[in-house]
PDB file of N, CA and C in Angstrom:
ATOM      1  N   MET A   1      42.886 129.284  88.137  1.00  0.00           N
ATOM      2  CA  MET A   1      42.565 128.720  86.865  1.00  0.00           C
ATOM      3  C   MET A   1      43.871 128.388  85.843  1.00  0.00           C
ATOM      4  N   SER A   2      44.619 129.362  86.063  1.00  0.00           N
ATOM      5  CA  SER A   2      45.466 129.824  85.141  1.00  0.00           C
ATOM      6  C   SER A   2      46.778 128.187  85.556  1.00  0.00           C
ATOM      7  N   ILE A   3      46.449 128.521  86.650  1.00  0.00           N
ATOM      8  CA  ILE A   3      47.727 127.407  87.282  1.00  0.00           C
ATOM      9  C   ILE A   3      47.041 125.426  86.697  1.00  0.00           C
ATOM     10  N   GLY A   4      46.181 125.826  86.827  1.00  0.00           N
ATOM     11  CA  GLY A   4      45.593 124.079  86.533  1.00  0.00           C
ATOM     12  C   GLY A   4      45.810 124.094  85.172  1.00  0.00           C
ATOM     13  N   THR A   5      45.488 125.244  84.147  1.00  0.00           N
ATOM     14  CA  THR A   5      45.870 124.939  82.959  1.00  0.00           C
ATOM     15  C   THR A   5      47.358 124.622  82.422  1.00  0.00           C
ATOM     16  N   GLY A   6      47.910 125.459  83.245  1.00  0.00           N
ATOM     17  CA  GLY A   6      49.752 125.365  83.331  1.00  0.00           C
ATOM     18  C   GLY A   6      49.955 123.754  83.184  1.00  0.00           C
ATOM     19  N   ILE A   7      49.387 123.366  84.529  1.00  0.00           N
ATOM     20  CA  ILE A   7      49.715 121.719  84.610  1.00  0.00           C
ATOM     21  C   ILE A   7      49.546 121.003  83.632  1.00  0.00           C
ATOM     22  N   VAL A   8      47.936 121.457  83.113  1.00  0.00           N
ATOM     23  CA  VAL A   8      47.357 120.078  81.997  1.00  0.00           C
ATOM     24  C   VAL A   8      48.359 120.151  81.113  1.00  0.00           C
ATOM     25  N   LEU A   9      48.567 121.666  80.584  1.00  0.00           N
ATOM     26  CA  LEU A   9      49.657 121.494  79.304  1.00  0.00           C
ATOM     27  C   LEU A   9      50.761 121.002  79.605  1.00  0.00           C
ATOM     28  N   PHE A  10      51.204 121.231  80.924  1.00  0.00           N
ATOM     29  CA  PHE A  10      52.529 120.609  80.868  1.00  0.00           C
ATOM     30  C   PHE A  10      52.665 119.158  81.104  1.00  0.00           C
ATOM     31  N   VAL A  11      51.505 118.598  81.551  1.00  0.00           N
ATOM     32  CA  VAL A  11      51.201 116.905  81.479  1.00  0.00           C
ATOM     33  C   VAL A  11      50.606 116.760  79.614  1.00  0.00           C
ATOM     34  N   ILE A  12      50.060 117.306  78.945  1.00  0.00           N
ATOM     35  CA  ILE A  12      50.003 116.389  77.624  1.00  0.00           C
ATOM     36  C   ILE A  12      51.097 116.923  76.835  1.00  0.00           C
ATOM     37  N   GLY A  13      52.186 117.736  77.279  1.00  0.00           N
ATOM     38  CA  GLY A  13      53.319 117.851  76.697  1.00  0.00           C
ATOM     39  C   GLY A  13      54.136 117.111  76.708  1.00  0.00           C
ATOM     40  N   ALA A  14      54.322 116.400  78.187  1.00  0.00           N
ATOM     41  CA  ALA A  14      55.440 115.534  78.278  1.00  0.00           C
ATOM     42  C   ALA A  14      54.823 114.132  77.804  1.00  0.00           C
ATOM     43  N   ILE A  15      53.299 113.618  77.927  1.00  0.00           N
ATOM     44  CA  ILE A  15      52.850 112.802  77.478  1.00  0.00           C
ATOM     45  C   ILE A  15      53.202 112.339  75.840  1.00  0.00           C
ATOM     46  N   LEU A  16      53.173 113.500  75.268  1.00  0.00           N
ATOM     47  CA  LEU A  16      53.665 113.724  73.671  1.00  0.00           C
ATOM     48  C   LEU A  16      55.382 113.695  73.693  1.00  0.00           C
ATOM     49  N   GLU A  17      55.952 114.050  74.247  1.00  0.00           N
ATOM     50  CA  GLU A  17      57.427 113.789  74.038  1.00  0.00           C
ATOM     51  C   GLU A  17      57.529 112.456  74.551  1.00  0.00           C
ATOM     52  N   TRP A  18      57.433 111.974  76.041  1.00  0.00           N
ATOM     53  CA  TRP A  18      57.925 110.763  76.527  1.00  0.00           C
ATOM     54  C   TRP A  18      57.433 109.327  76.460  1.00  0.00           C
ATOM     55  N   ALA A  19      55.794 109.731  76.232  1.00  0.00           N
ATOM     56  CA  ALA A  19      54.836 108.603  76.663  1.00  0.00           C
ATOM     57  C   ALA A  19      54.404 107.819  74.832  1.00  0.00           C
ATOM     58  N   LEU A  20      54.231 108.771  73.921  1.00  0.00           N
ATOM     59  CA  LEU A  20      53.965 107.935  72.713  1.00  0.00           C
ATOM     60  C   LEU A  20      55.425 107.921  72.042  1.00  0.00           C
ATOM     61  N   ASN A  21      55.113 106.873  70.881  1.00  0.00           N
ATOM     62  CA  ASN A  21      55.788 106.247  70.301  1.00  0.00           C
ATOM     63  C   ASN A  21      55.110 106.112  68.387  1.00  0.00           C
ATOM     64  N   ILE A  22      54.474 107.352  68.652  1.00  0.00           N
ATOM     65  CA  ILE A  22      54.352 107.286  67.200  1.00  0.00           C
ATOM     66  C   ILE A  22      54.774 108.279  66.128  1.00  0.00           C
ATOM     67  N   SER A  23      54.662 108.022  65.185  1.00  0.00           N
ATOM     68  CA  SER A  23      55.422 108.917  64.230  1.00  0.00           C
ATOM     69  C   SER A  23      54.377 109.017  63.261  1.00  0.00           C
ATOM     70  N   VAL A  24      54.285 111.037  62.769  1.00  0.00           N
ATOM     71  CA  VAL A  24      53.464 111.569  62.335  1.00  0.00           C
ATOM     72  C   VAL A  24      53.802 112.015  61.062  1.00  0.00           C
ATOM     73  N   SER A  25      53.947 111.989  59.942  1.00  0.00           N
ATOM     74  CA  SER A  25      54.611 112.671  58.613  1.00  0.00           C
ATOM     75  C   SER A  25      54.818 113.927  58.646  1.00  0.00           C
ATOM     76  N   TRP A  26      53.495 114.337  59.195  1.00  0.00           N
ATOM     77  CA  TRP A  26      53.131 116.008  58.587  1.00  0.00           C
ATOM     78  C   TRP A  26      53.042 117.071  60.307  1.00  0.00           C
ATOM     79  N   ILE A  27      53.621 116.203  60.948  1.00  0.00           N
ATOM     80  CA  ILE A  27      53.787 117.390  62.458  1.00  0.00           C
ATOM     81  C   ILE A  27      54.749 116.061  63.296  1.00  0.00           C
ATOM     82  N   ASP A  28      55.468 116.882  63.783  1.00  0.00           N
ATOM     83  CA  ASP A  28      56.840 116.572  64.738  1.00  0.00           C
ATOM     84  C   ASP A  28      56.032 116.263  66.018  1.00  0.00           C
ATOM     85  N   LEU A  29      55.882 115.236  66.892  1.00  0.00           N
ATOM     86  CA  LEU A  29      54.876 115.374  67.962  1.00  0.00           C
ATOM     87  C   LEU A  29      55.912 115.683  69.077  1.00  0.00           C
ATOM     88  N   HIS A  30      57.174 115.280  69.085  1.00  0.00           N
ATOM     89  CA  HIS A  30      58.127 115.695  70.142  1.00  0.00           C
ATOM     90  C   HIS A  30      58.227 117.201  70.169  1.00  0.00           C
ATOM     91  N   MET A  31      58.532 117.662  69.378  1.00  0.00           N
ATOM     92  CA  MET A  31      58.690 118.857  69.350  1.00  0.00           C
ATOM     93  C   MET A  31      56.983 119.660  70.097  1.00  0.00           C
ATOM     94  N   VAL A  32      56.091 119.541  69.371  1.00  0.00           N
ATOM     95  CA  VAL A  32      54.942 119.713  69.886  1.00  0.00           C
ATOM     96  C   VAL A  32      54.598 119.593  71.601  1.00  0.00           C
ATOM     97  N   GLY A  33      55.503 118.549  72.008  1.00  0.00           N
ATOM     98  CA  GLY A  33      55.272 118.179  73.412  1.00  0.00           C
ATOM     99  C   GLY A  33      56.246 119.202  74.284  1.00  0.00           C
ATOM    100  N   TRP A  34      57.221 119.341  73.455  1.00  0.00           N
ATOM    101  CA  TRP A  34      58.130 120.888  74.212  1.00  0.00           C
ATOM    102  C   TRP A  34      57.670 121.670  74.371  1.00  0.00           C
ATOM    103  N   ILE A  35      56.872 122.253  73.242  1.00  0.00           N
ATOM    104  CA  ILE A  35      56.233 123.537  73.254  1.00  0.00           C
ATOM    105  C   ILE A  35      55.012 123.553  74.192  1.00  0.00           C
ATOM    106  N   LEU A  36      54.570 122.781  74.424  1.00  0.00           N
ATOM    107  CA  LEU A  36      53.453 122.561  75.297  1.00  0.00           C
ATOM    108  C   LEU A  36      54.170 122.532  76.492  1.00  0.00           C
ATOM    109  N   MET A  37      55.138 122.087  76.937  1.00  0.00           N
ATOM    110  CA  MET A  37      55.384 122.062  78.495  1.00  0.00           C
ATOM    111  C   MET A  37      56.066 122.988  78.998  1.00  0.00           C
ATOM    112  N   ILE A  38      56.544 124.064  77.602  1.00  0.00           N
ATOM    113  CA  ILE A  38      57.423 125.118  78.051  1.00  0.00           C
ATOM    114  C   ILE A  38      56.417 126.088  78.120  1.00  0.00           C
ATOM    115  N   ALA A  39      55.359 126.133  77.191  1.00  0.00           N
ATOM    116  CA  ALA A  39      53.720 126.788  77.520  1.00  0.00           C
ATOM    117  C   ALA A  39      53.475 126.716  78.853  1.00  0.00           C
ATOM    118  N   GLY A  40      53.104 125.511  79.027  1.00  0.00           N
ATOM    119  CA  GLY A  40      52.443 125.096  80.366  1.00  0.00           C
ATOM    120  C   GLY A  40      53.190 125.941  81.253  1.00  0.00           C
ATOM    121  N   ALA A  41      54.668 125.874  81.590  1.00  0.00           N
ATOM    122  CA  ALA A  41      55.546 126.216  82.943  1.00  0.00           C
ATOM    123  C   ALA A  41      55.228 127.644  82.823  1.00  0.00           C
ATOM    124  N   ILE A  42      55.522 128.697  81.536  1.00  0.00           N
ATOM    125  CA  ILE A  42      55.263 129.596  81.885  1.00  0.00           C
ATOM    126  C   ILE A  42      53.537 130.002  82.281  1.00  0.00           C
ATOM    127  N   ILE A  43      52.629 129.310  81.910  1.00  0.00           N
ATOM    128  CA  ILE A  43      51.405 129.880  82.395  1.00  0.00           C
ATOM    129  C   ILE A  43      51.135 129.496  83.888  1.00  0.00           C
ATOM    130  N   PHE A  44      51.834 128.493  84.277  1.00  0.00           N
ATOM    131  CA  PHE A  44      51.971 128.280  85.731  1.00  0.00           C
ATOM    132  C   PHE A  44      52.775 129.490  86.425  1.00  0.00           C
ATOM    133  N   VAL A  45      53.885 129.709  86.028  1.00  0.00           N
ATOM    134  CA  VAL A  45      54.367 130.651  87.083  1.00  0.00           C
ATOM    135  C   VAL A  45      53.494 132.228  87.332  1.00  0.00           C
ATOM    136  N   LEU A  46      53.100 132.461  85.534  1.00  0.00           N
ATOM    137  CA  LEU A  46      52.450 133.641  85.295  1.00  0.00           C
ATOM    138  C   LEU A  46      50.999 133.923  86.333  1.00  0.00           C
ATOM    139  N   GLY A  47      50.704 132.133  87.025  1.00  0.00           N
ATOM    140  CA  GLY A  47      49.732 132.095  87.713  1.00  0.00           C
ATOM    141  C   GLY A  47      49.619 132.131  89.000  1.00  0.00           C
ATOM    142  N   LEU A  48      50.919 132.217  89.203  1.00  0.00           N
ATOM    143  CA  LEU A  48      51.528 131.905  90.808  1.00  0.00           C
ATOM    144  C   LEU A  48      51.534 133.468  90.891  1.00  0.00           C
ATOM    145  N   ILE A  49      52.315 134.007  89.846  1.00  0.00           N
ATOM    146  CA  ILE A  49      52.878 135.555  90.150  1.00  0.00           C
ATOM    147  C   ILE A  49      51.732 136.278  90.514  1.00  0.00           C
ATOM    148  N   PHE A  50      50.353 136.271  89.563  1.00  0.00           N
ATOM    149  CA  PHE A  50      49.393 136.827  89.747  1.00  0.00           C
ATOM    150  C   PHE A  50      48.572 136.618  90.944  1.00  0.00           C
ATOM    151  N   MET A  51      48.620 135.574  91.577  1.00  0.00           N
ATOM    152  CA  MET A  51      47.822 134.832  92.565  1.00  0.00           C
ATOM    153  C   MET A  51      48.615 135.845  93.559  1.00  0.00           C
ATOM    154  N   LEU A  52      50.094 136.097  93.850  1.00  0.00           N
ATOM    155  CA  LEU A  52      50.203 136.722  95.017  1.00  0.00           C
ATOM    156  C   LEU A  52      50.391 138.362  95.307  1.00  0.00           C
ATOM    157  N   ARG A  53      49.897 138.403  93.792  1.00  0.00           N
ATOM    158  CA  ARG A  53      49.836 139.769  93.772  1.00  0.00           C
ATOM    159  C   ARG A  53      48.673 140.746  94.186  1.00  0.00           C
ATOM    160  N   ARG A  54      47.445 139.632  93.934  1.00  0.00           N
ATOM    161  CA  ARG A  54      46.275 140.100  94.380  1.00  0.00           C
ATOM    162  C   ARG A  54      46.338 140.990  95.458  1.00  0.00           C
ATOM    163  N   ARG A  55      45.251 141.697  95.757  1.00  0.00           N
ATOM    164  CA  ARG A  55      45.076 142.525  96.631  1.00  0.00           C
ATOM    165  C   ARG A  55      44.211 142.241  97.625  1.00  0.00           C
ATOM    166  N   ARG A  56      44.273 142.203  98.891  1.00  0.00           N
ATOM    167  CA  ARG A  56      43.361 141.880  99.782  1.00  0.00           C
ATOM    168  C   ARG A  56      42.341 143.382 100.641  1.00  0.00           C
ATOM    169  N   SER A  57      41.570 143.349 100.991  1.00  0.00           N
ATOM    170  CA  SER A  57      40.674 144.347 101.316  1.00  0.00           C
ATOM    171  C   SER A  57      39.899 143.974 103.206  1.00  0.00           C
ATOM    172  N   VAL A  58      39.971 144.349 104.062  1.00  0.00           N
ATOM    173  CA  VAL A  58      39.848 143.934 105.241  1.00  0.00           C
ATOM    174  C   VAL A  58      38.620 145.132 105.530  1.00  0.00           C
ATOM    175  N   THR A  59      37.315 144.723 105.862  1.00  0.00           N
ATOM    176  CA  THR A  59      36.541 146.162 106.300  1.00  0.00           C
ATOM    177  C   THR A  59      35.964 145.346 107.751  1.00  0.00           C
ATOM    178  N   THR A  60      36.183 146.608 108.926  1.00  0.00           N
ATOM    179  CA  THR A  60      35.907 146.588 110.049  1.00  0.00           C
ATOM    180  C   THR A  60      34.401 147.158 110.637  1.00  0.00           C
ATOM    181  N   ASN A  61      33.416 146.929 110.982  1.00  0.00           N
ATOM    182  CA  ASN A  61      32.423 147.356 111.437  1.00  0.00           C
ATOM    183  C   ASN A  61      32.274 147.838 112.878  1.00  0.00           C
ATOM    184  N   ARG A  62      32.325 148.775 114.037  1.00  0.00           N
ATOM    185  CA  ARG A  62      32.013 148.854 115.263  1.00  0.00           C
ATOM    186  C   ARG A  62      31.161 149.280 115.640  1.00  0.00           C
ATOM    187  N   THR A  63      30.150 148.867 116.478  1.00  0.00           N
ATOM    188  CA  THR A  63      29.048 150.112 116.674  1.00  0.00           C
ATOM    189  C   THR A  63      29.072 149.928 118.167  1.00  0.00           C
ATOM    190  N   MET A  64      29.314 151.343 118.887  1.00  0.00           N
ATOM    191  CA  MET A  64      29.597 151.039 120.549  1.00  0.00           C
ATOM    192  C   MET A  64      28.719 152.370 121.151  1.00  0.00           C
ATOM    193  N   VAL A  65      28.728 152.059 122.579  1.00  0.00           N
ATOM    194  CA  VAL A  65      27.844 152.777 123.330  1.00  0.00           C
ATOM    195  C   VAL A  65      29.059 154.058 124.066  1.00  0.00           C
ATOM    196  N   ASP A  66      28.239 155.029 124.042  1.00  0.00           N
ATOM    197  CA  ASP A  66      28.982 156.082 124.980  1.00  0.00           C
ATOM    198  C   ASP A  66      28.883 155.509 126.513  1.00  0.00           C
ATOM    199  N   PRO A  67      29.943 155.855 126.925  1.00  0.00           N
ATOM    200  CA  PRO A  67      30.026 155.459 128.333  1.00  0.00           C
ATOM    201  C   PRO A  67      29.049 156.077 129.739  1.00  0.00           C
ATOM    202  N   GLU A  68      28.093 157.173 129.015  1.00  0.00           N
ATOM    203  CA  GLU A  68      27.068 157.558 129.542  1.00  0.00           C
ATOM    204  C   GLU A  68      25.727 156.792 129.564  1.00  0.00           C
ATOM    205  N   GLY A  69      25.926 156.034 128.240  1.00  0.00           N
ATOM    206  CA  GLY A  69      24.967 155.139 127.608  1.00  0.00           C
ATOM    207  C   GLY A  69      24.028 156.559 126.979  1.00  0.00           C
ATOM    208  N   GLN A  70      24.379 157.633 126.381  1.00  0.00           N
ATOM    209  CA  GLN A  70      23.306 158.331 125.768  1.00  0.00           C
ATOM    210  C   GLN A  70      23.510 158.273 124.205  1.00  0.00           C
ATOM    211  N   ALA A  71      24.790 158.262 123.686  1.00  0.00           N
ATOM    212  CA  ALA A  71      24.895 158.293 122.328  1.00  0.00           C
ATOM    213  C   ALA A  71      25.112 156.785 121.831  1.00  0.00           C
ATOM    214  N   ARG A  72      25.343 156.768 120.519  1.00  0.00           N
ATOM    215  CA  ARG A  72      25.913 155.553 119.630  1.00  0.00           C
ATOM    216  C   ARG A  72      27.135 155.685 118.979  1.00  0.00           C
ATOM    217  N   VAL A  73      28.515 155.119 118.913  1.00  0.00           N
ATOM    218  CA  VAL A  73      29.629 155.683 118.252  1.00  0.00           C
ATOM    219  C   VAL A  73      29.444 154.836 117.043  1.00  0.00           C
ATOM    220  N   THR A  74      29.700 155.026 116.133  1.00  0.00           N
ATOM    221  CA  THR A  74      29.860 153.758 114.557  1.00  0.00           C
ATOM    222  C   THR A  74      31.207 153.908 113.876  1.00  0.00           C
ATOM    223  N   ARG A  75      31.734 153.271 114.046  1.00  0.00           N
ATOM    224  CA  ARG A  75      33.238 153.313 113.077  1.00  0.00           C
ATOM    225  C   ARG A  75      33.247 152.299 112.092  1.00  0.00           C
ATOM    226  N   GLN A  76      33.903 152.937 110.864  1.00  0.00           N
ATOM    227  CA  GLN A  76      34.006 151.980 110.024  1.00  0.00           C
ATOM    228  C   GLN A  76      35.384 152.417 109.282  1.00  0.00           C
ATOM    229  N   SER A  77      36.222 150.997 109.087  1.00  0.00           N
ATOM    230  CA  SER A  77      37.779 151.410 108.576  1.00  0.00           C
ATOM    231  C   SER A  77      37.541 150.431 107.438  1.00  0.00           C
ATOM    232  N   THR A  78      38.506 150.927 106.653  1.00  0.00           N
ATOM    233  CA  THR A  78      38.765 149.719 105.403  1.00  0.00           C
ATOM    234  C   THR A  78      40.500 150.207 105.350  1.00  0.00           C
ATOM    235  N   SER A  79      40.926 148.483 105.242  1.00  0.00           N
ATOM    236  CA  SER A  79      42.555 148.698 104.846  1.00  0.00           C
ATOM    237  C   SER A  79      42.639 147.929 103.764  1.00  0.00           C
ATOM    238  N   THR A  80      43.408 148.323 103.132  1.00  0.00           N
ATOM    239  CA  THR A  80      44.301 147.042 101.903  1.00  0.00           C
ATOM    240  C   THR A  80      45.578 147.096 101.900  1.00  0.00           C
ATOM    241  N   THR A  81      46.066 145.610 101.827  1.00  0.00           N
ATOM    242  CA  THR A  81      46.967 145.306 101.965  1.00  0.00           C
ATOM    243  C   THR A  81      48.060 145.686 100.506  1.00  0.00           C
ATOM    244  N   PRO A  82      49.204 146.718 100.584  1.00  0.00           N
ATOM    245  CA  PRO A  82      50.003 147.066  99.319  1.00  0.00           C
ATOM    246  C   PRO A  82      50.575 145.776  98.354  1.00  0.00           C
ATOM    247  N   ASP A  83      50.982 145.989  97.506  1.00  0.00           N
ATOM    248  CA  ASP A  83      51.322 144.936  96.760  1.00  0.00           C
ATOM    249  C   ASP A  83      52.945 144.418  97.062  1.00  0.00           C
ATOM    250  N   ASP A  84      53.761 145.851  97.865  1.00  0.00           N
ATOM    251  CA  ASP A  84      55.046 145.049  98.635  1.00  0.00           C
ATOM    252  C   ASP A  84      55.333 144.615  99.747  1.00  0.00           C
ATOM    253  N   GLU A  85      53.672 144.670 100.594  1.00  0.00           N
ATOM    254  CA  GLU A  85      53.943 143.543 101.962  1.00  0.00           C
ATOM    255  C   GLU A  85      53.501 142.200 101.416  1.00  0.00           C
ATOM    256  N   LEU A  86      53.307 141.342 100.269  1.00  0.00           N
ATOM    257  CA  LEU A  86      53.146 139.982  99.788  1.00  0.00           C
ATOM    258  C   LEU A  86      54.548 139.737  99.500  1.00  0.00           C
TER     259      LEU A  86
END
């Protein structure tokens, strides 16, 4: 969600900076455009960083029959990838 928000802010800022030729006396639209583009780029980069740092876990369940056919063995293992492997 933050990646999309960053892109939207950047696009709105680019439109305010380069596509509009409107002068308003109480606000500088070109400065607002630059501010939105910088904020959009920062939010986009932070969104990428947080997405790549997200932990993933894998759970495996196995049920096996003893070779003699008498007992069932159930194993459950959970592993989580550490942050430095990403």
